N, C-alpha and C. Protein backbone atom coordinates (compact mmCIF):
# COMPACT_ATOMS: atom_id res chain seq x y z
N MET A 1 124.82 -54.82 65.93
CA MET A 1 125.30 -53.49 65.60
C MET A 1 126.26 -53.59 64.43
N SER A 2 126.07 -52.72 63.46
CA SER A 2 126.87 -52.74 62.24
C SER A 2 127.87 -51.60 62.25
N VAL A 3 128.95 -51.79 61.48
CA VAL A 3 129.91 -50.71 61.34
C VAL A 3 129.28 -49.54 60.60
N PHE A 4 128.14 -49.76 59.94
CA PHE A 4 127.47 -48.70 59.21
C PHE A 4 126.47 -47.93 60.06
N ASP A 5 126.21 -48.38 61.29
CA ASP A 5 125.24 -47.70 62.14
C ASP A 5 125.62 -46.23 62.29
N GLY A 6 124.67 -45.37 61.95
CA GLY A 6 124.88 -43.94 62.10
C GLY A 6 125.68 -43.31 60.98
N PHE A 7 126.25 -44.12 60.09
CA PHE A 7 127.12 -43.57 59.04
C PHE A 7 126.39 -42.60 58.14
N PHE A 8 125.15 -42.90 57.80
CA PHE A 8 124.40 -42.08 56.86
C PHE A 8 123.52 -41.03 57.54
N ASP A 9 123.47 -41.06 58.86
CA ASP A 9 122.59 -40.15 59.59
C ASP A 9 122.86 -38.70 59.21
N GLY A 10 121.85 -38.05 58.74
CA GLY A 10 121.94 -36.63 58.44
C GLY A 10 122.69 -36.28 57.17
N LEU A 11 123.24 -37.25 56.47
CA LEU A 11 124.00 -36.95 55.25
C LEU A 11 123.14 -36.96 54.00
N GLY A 12 121.99 -37.63 54.05
CA GLY A 12 121.09 -37.65 52.91
C GLY A 12 121.45 -38.67 51.85
N PHE A 13 122.56 -39.40 52.04
CA PHE A 13 122.97 -40.38 51.02
C PHE A 13 121.98 -41.52 50.87
N GLU A 14 121.49 -42.02 51.97
CA GLU A 14 120.63 -43.19 51.91
C GLU A 14 119.36 -42.90 51.11
N GLU A 15 118.83 -41.69 51.22
CA GLU A 15 117.63 -41.34 50.48
C GLU A 15 117.91 -41.26 48.98
N GLU A 16 119.16 -40.98 48.60
CA GLU A 16 119.51 -40.85 47.19
C GLU A 16 119.90 -42.18 46.55
N MET A 17 120.00 -43.24 47.34
CA MET A 17 120.40 -44.54 46.81
C MET A 17 119.29 -45.13 45.95
N THR A 18 119.72 -45.83 44.91
CA THR A 18 118.76 -46.59 44.13
C THR A 18 118.37 -47.82 44.95
N PRO A 19 117.28 -48.47 44.61
CA PRO A 19 116.93 -49.71 45.31
C PRO A 19 118.06 -50.75 45.24
N ALA A 20 118.74 -50.85 44.11
CA ALA A 20 119.83 -51.82 43.98
C ALA A 20 121.00 -51.45 44.90
N GLU A 21 121.32 -50.17 44.99
CA GLU A 21 122.40 -49.74 45.89
C GLU A 21 122.03 -49.99 47.35
N ARG A 22 120.78 -49.71 47.70
CA ARG A 22 120.33 -49.94 49.07
C ARG A 22 120.37 -51.44 49.39
N HIS A 23 120.00 -52.27 48.42
CA HIS A 23 120.05 -53.72 48.62
C HIS A 23 121.48 -54.18 48.83
N ALA A 24 122.40 -53.69 48.01
CA ALA A 24 123.81 -54.06 48.15
C ALA A 24 124.35 -53.63 49.51
N MET A 25 123.98 -52.43 49.97
CA MET A 25 124.41 -51.96 51.27
C MET A 25 123.85 -52.85 52.38
N ASN A 26 122.58 -53.24 52.27
CA ASN A 26 121.97 -54.10 53.29
C ASN A 26 122.64 -55.47 53.33
N LEU A 27 123.03 -56.00 52.18
CA LEU A 27 123.75 -57.28 52.16
C LEU A 27 125.10 -57.14 52.86
N ALA A 28 125.81 -56.03 52.61
CA ALA A 28 127.10 -55.80 53.27
C ALA A 28 126.92 -55.66 54.78
N ILE A 29 125.88 -54.99 55.19
CA ILE A 29 125.60 -54.84 56.62
C ILE A 29 125.34 -56.20 57.25
N ALA A 30 124.58 -57.07 56.57
CA ALA A 30 124.31 -58.41 57.09
C ALA A 30 125.60 -59.20 57.25
N ASP A 31 126.51 -59.07 56.28
CA ASP A 31 127.81 -59.74 56.39
C ASP A 31 128.57 -59.25 57.62
N ASP A 32 128.60 -57.95 57.79
CA ASP A 32 129.31 -57.38 58.94
C ASP A 32 128.67 -57.82 60.25
N ASP A 33 127.35 -57.88 60.28
CA ASP A 33 126.65 -58.32 61.49
C ASP A 33 127.03 -59.77 61.84
N LEU A 34 127.17 -60.63 60.83
CA LEU A 34 127.55 -62.02 61.06
C LEU A 34 128.93 -62.10 61.72
N ILE A 35 129.88 -61.36 61.18
CA ILE A 35 131.25 -61.39 61.74
C ILE A 35 131.23 -60.82 63.16
N THR A 36 130.44 -59.77 63.38
CA THR A 36 130.33 -59.19 64.72
C THR A 36 129.76 -60.20 65.70
N GLU A 37 128.76 -60.97 65.28
CA GLU A 37 128.18 -61.99 66.16
C GLU A 37 129.20 -63.09 66.47
N LEU A 38 130.02 -63.45 65.51
CA LEU A 38 131.07 -64.44 65.76
C LEU A 38 132.10 -63.89 66.75
N ARG A 39 132.48 -62.64 66.58
CA ARG A 39 133.42 -62.01 67.53
C ARG A 39 132.82 -62.01 68.93
N ASP A 40 131.53 -61.66 69.02
CA ASP A 40 130.86 -61.63 70.32
C ASP A 40 130.83 -63.02 70.96
N ALA A 41 130.67 -64.06 70.14
CA ALA A 41 130.69 -65.43 70.65
C ALA A 41 132.07 -65.76 71.22
N ARG A 42 133.13 -65.32 70.53
CA ARG A 42 134.50 -65.54 71.04
C ARG A 42 134.67 -64.87 72.39
N ILE A 43 134.19 -63.65 72.49
CA ILE A 43 134.33 -62.89 73.74
C ILE A 43 133.53 -63.56 74.87
N ARG A 44 132.32 -64.03 74.56
CA ARG A 44 131.51 -64.72 75.58
C ARG A 44 132.21 -65.96 76.09
N ARG A 45 133.04 -66.58 75.26
CA ARG A 45 133.78 -67.78 75.66
C ARG A 45 135.12 -67.43 76.31
N SER A 46 135.34 -66.15 76.53
CA SER A 46 136.55 -65.65 77.18
C SER A 46 137.82 -66.08 76.45
N LEU A 47 137.75 -66.11 75.12
CA LEU A 47 138.93 -66.43 74.32
C LEU A 47 139.52 -65.15 73.75
N THR A 48 140.82 -65.04 73.79
CA THR A 48 141.49 -63.93 73.13
C THR A 48 141.63 -64.26 71.64
N GLU A 49 141.98 -63.24 70.86
CA GLU A 49 142.23 -63.49 69.43
C GLU A 49 143.37 -64.50 69.26
N ASP A 50 144.40 -64.38 70.08
CA ASP A 50 145.54 -65.30 69.99
C ASP A 50 145.13 -66.73 70.34
N GLN A 51 144.31 -66.88 71.37
CA GLN A 51 143.86 -68.22 71.75
C GLN A 51 143.02 -68.86 70.65
N LEU A 52 142.10 -68.09 70.06
CA LEU A 52 141.31 -68.63 68.97
C LEU A 52 142.19 -68.93 67.77
N GLY A 53 143.17 -68.07 67.51
CA GLY A 53 144.11 -68.33 66.43
C GLY A 53 144.83 -69.64 66.62
N ASP A 54 145.24 -69.93 67.86
CA ASP A 54 145.90 -71.21 68.15
C ASP A 54 144.98 -72.39 67.84
N ILE A 55 143.71 -72.27 68.19
CA ILE A 55 142.74 -73.33 67.90
C ILE A 55 142.59 -73.53 66.39
N LEU A 56 142.57 -72.42 65.67
CA LEU A 56 142.38 -72.47 64.22
C LEU A 56 143.66 -72.75 63.45
N GLY A 57 144.80 -72.65 64.13
CA GLY A 57 146.07 -72.85 63.44
C GLY A 57 146.50 -71.64 62.63
N ILE A 58 146.06 -70.45 63.07
CA ILE A 58 146.45 -69.20 62.42
C ILE A 58 146.93 -68.24 63.50
N THR A 59 147.41 -67.10 63.09
CA THR A 59 147.88 -66.12 64.05
C THR A 59 146.71 -65.32 64.63
N GLY A 60 146.94 -64.75 65.79
CA GLY A 60 145.96 -63.85 66.38
C GLY A 60 145.73 -62.64 65.50
N GLU A 61 146.76 -62.24 64.77
CA GLU A 61 146.63 -61.11 63.84
C GLU A 61 145.60 -61.41 62.77
N LYS A 62 145.59 -62.65 62.26
CA LYS A 62 144.60 -63.04 61.24
C LYS A 62 143.20 -63.01 61.83
N VAL A 63 143.06 -63.41 63.09
CA VAL A 63 141.76 -63.34 63.76
C VAL A 63 141.33 -61.88 63.89
N ARG A 64 142.25 -61.00 64.26
CA ARG A 64 141.94 -59.57 64.38
C ARG A 64 141.50 -58.99 63.04
N GLU A 65 142.18 -59.39 61.97
CA GLU A 65 141.79 -58.92 60.63
C GLU A 65 140.38 -59.39 60.28
N PHE A 66 140.09 -60.65 60.57
CA PHE A 66 138.77 -61.23 60.32
C PHE A 66 137.71 -60.46 61.10
N GLU A 67 137.93 -60.30 62.39
CA GLU A 67 136.95 -59.64 63.25
C GLU A 67 136.87 -58.15 62.99
N GLY A 68 137.94 -57.56 62.48
CA GLY A 68 137.95 -56.13 62.19
C GLY A 68 137.41 -55.81 60.81
N LEU A 69 136.85 -56.82 60.15
CA LEU A 69 136.23 -56.65 58.83
C LEU A 69 137.24 -56.17 57.80
N GLN A 70 138.50 -56.61 57.95
CA GLN A 70 139.55 -56.22 57.03
C GLN A 70 139.78 -57.25 55.95
N THR A 71 138.98 -58.32 55.96
CA THR A 71 139.11 -59.38 54.97
C THR A 71 137.75 -59.69 54.38
N SER A 72 137.74 -60.44 53.32
CA SER A 72 136.50 -60.95 52.74
C SER A 72 136.55 -62.47 52.86
N PRO A 73 136.16 -62.99 54.02
CA PRO A 73 136.32 -64.43 54.26
C PRO A 73 135.41 -65.27 53.38
N THR A 74 135.88 -66.46 53.06
CA THR A 74 135.06 -67.42 52.34
C THR A 74 134.08 -68.06 53.31
N LEU A 75 133.09 -68.73 52.76
CA LEU A 75 132.16 -69.46 53.63
C LEU A 75 132.89 -70.53 54.43
N ALA A 76 133.90 -71.15 53.81
CA ALA A 76 134.68 -72.17 54.52
C ALA A 76 135.39 -71.58 55.73
N THR A 77 135.93 -70.38 55.59
CA THR A 77 136.60 -69.72 56.72
C THR A 77 135.60 -69.40 57.82
N ILE A 78 134.44 -68.91 57.44
CA ILE A 78 133.41 -68.60 58.43
C ILE A 78 132.97 -69.87 59.15
N ARG A 79 132.82 -70.98 58.41
CA ARG A 79 132.45 -72.25 59.05
C ARG A 79 133.52 -72.72 60.03
N ARG A 80 134.80 -72.61 59.65
CA ARG A 80 135.89 -73.03 60.54
C ARG A 80 135.86 -72.20 61.83
N TYR A 81 135.65 -70.92 61.69
CA TYR A 81 135.60 -70.01 62.84
C TYR A 81 134.45 -70.41 63.76
N ALA A 82 133.26 -70.62 63.17
CA ALA A 82 132.08 -71.02 63.97
C ALA A 82 132.31 -72.37 64.63
N HIS A 83 132.91 -73.30 63.90
CA HIS A 83 133.18 -74.63 64.45
C HIS A 83 134.12 -74.53 65.65
N ALA A 84 135.16 -73.73 65.51
CA ALA A 84 136.13 -73.56 66.61
C ALA A 84 135.46 -72.97 67.85
N LEU A 85 134.43 -72.16 67.64
CA LEU A 85 133.73 -71.55 68.77
C LEU A 85 132.57 -72.40 69.27
N GLY A 86 132.21 -73.44 68.52
CA GLY A 86 131.09 -74.29 68.92
C GLY A 86 129.75 -73.62 68.74
N VAL A 87 129.64 -72.78 67.70
CA VAL A 87 128.36 -72.11 67.43
C VAL A 87 127.83 -72.54 66.07
N ASN A 88 126.54 -72.37 65.89
CA ASN A 88 125.89 -72.65 64.62
C ASN A 88 125.63 -71.36 63.87
N ILE A 89 125.64 -71.46 62.55
CA ILE A 89 125.25 -70.35 61.69
C ILE A 89 124.10 -70.84 60.84
N THR A 90 123.05 -70.05 60.77
CA THR A 90 121.94 -70.40 59.89
C THR A 90 121.88 -69.39 58.75
N HIS A 91 121.45 -69.86 57.62
CA HIS A 91 121.33 -69.01 56.43
C HIS A 91 119.86 -68.92 56.05
N THR A 92 119.43 -67.74 55.67
CA THR A 92 118.07 -67.54 55.22
C THR A 92 118.11 -66.75 53.91
N VAL A 93 117.42 -67.26 52.92
CA VAL A 93 117.32 -66.56 51.65
C VAL A 93 115.87 -66.15 51.47
N THR A 94 115.65 -64.86 51.26
CA THR A 94 114.29 -64.35 51.06
C THR A 94 114.26 -63.47 49.83
N ASP A 95 113.12 -63.38 49.21
CA ASP A 95 112.95 -62.47 48.07
C ASP A 95 112.88 -61.04 48.58
N ARG A 96 113.45 -60.16 47.80
CA ARG A 96 113.37 -58.73 48.13
C ARG A 96 111.95 -58.26 47.93
N GLN A 97 111.60 -57.23 48.66
CA GLN A 97 110.25 -56.69 48.55
C GLN A 97 110.15 -55.54 47.56
N GLU A 98 111.30 -55.02 47.12
CA GLU A 98 111.27 -53.90 46.17
C GLU A 98 112.09 -54.29 44.94
N PRO A 99 111.80 -53.70 43.79
CA PRO A 99 112.56 -54.03 42.58
C PRO A 99 113.98 -53.48 42.66
N THR A 100 114.87 -54.04 41.83
CA THR A 100 116.26 -53.59 41.81
C THR A 100 116.48 -52.44 40.86
N THR A 101 115.51 -52.03 40.13
CA THR A 101 115.68 -50.93 39.16
C THR A 101 115.20 -49.63 39.71
């Protein structure tokens, strides 16, 4: 589930987007989905934000910012978070099916 779910419903914006804008939005949604899956993994392990922060050597507030999509984490930060939770992240690169123009 993305923070964008339902955002465009009935507003007509998505239909007016160029292919490049729609692609950029889909990339942002994928980023948000990744962070949401990491948060869900923390919850499945019954860890609080503060407990995970202790493991990572950061504050629980920083974990909340990360999970609340209030930051733009680096790949290194995402790897540290996944490592602390004992989960794997896989990356897939595929060609787009529509042109960007």
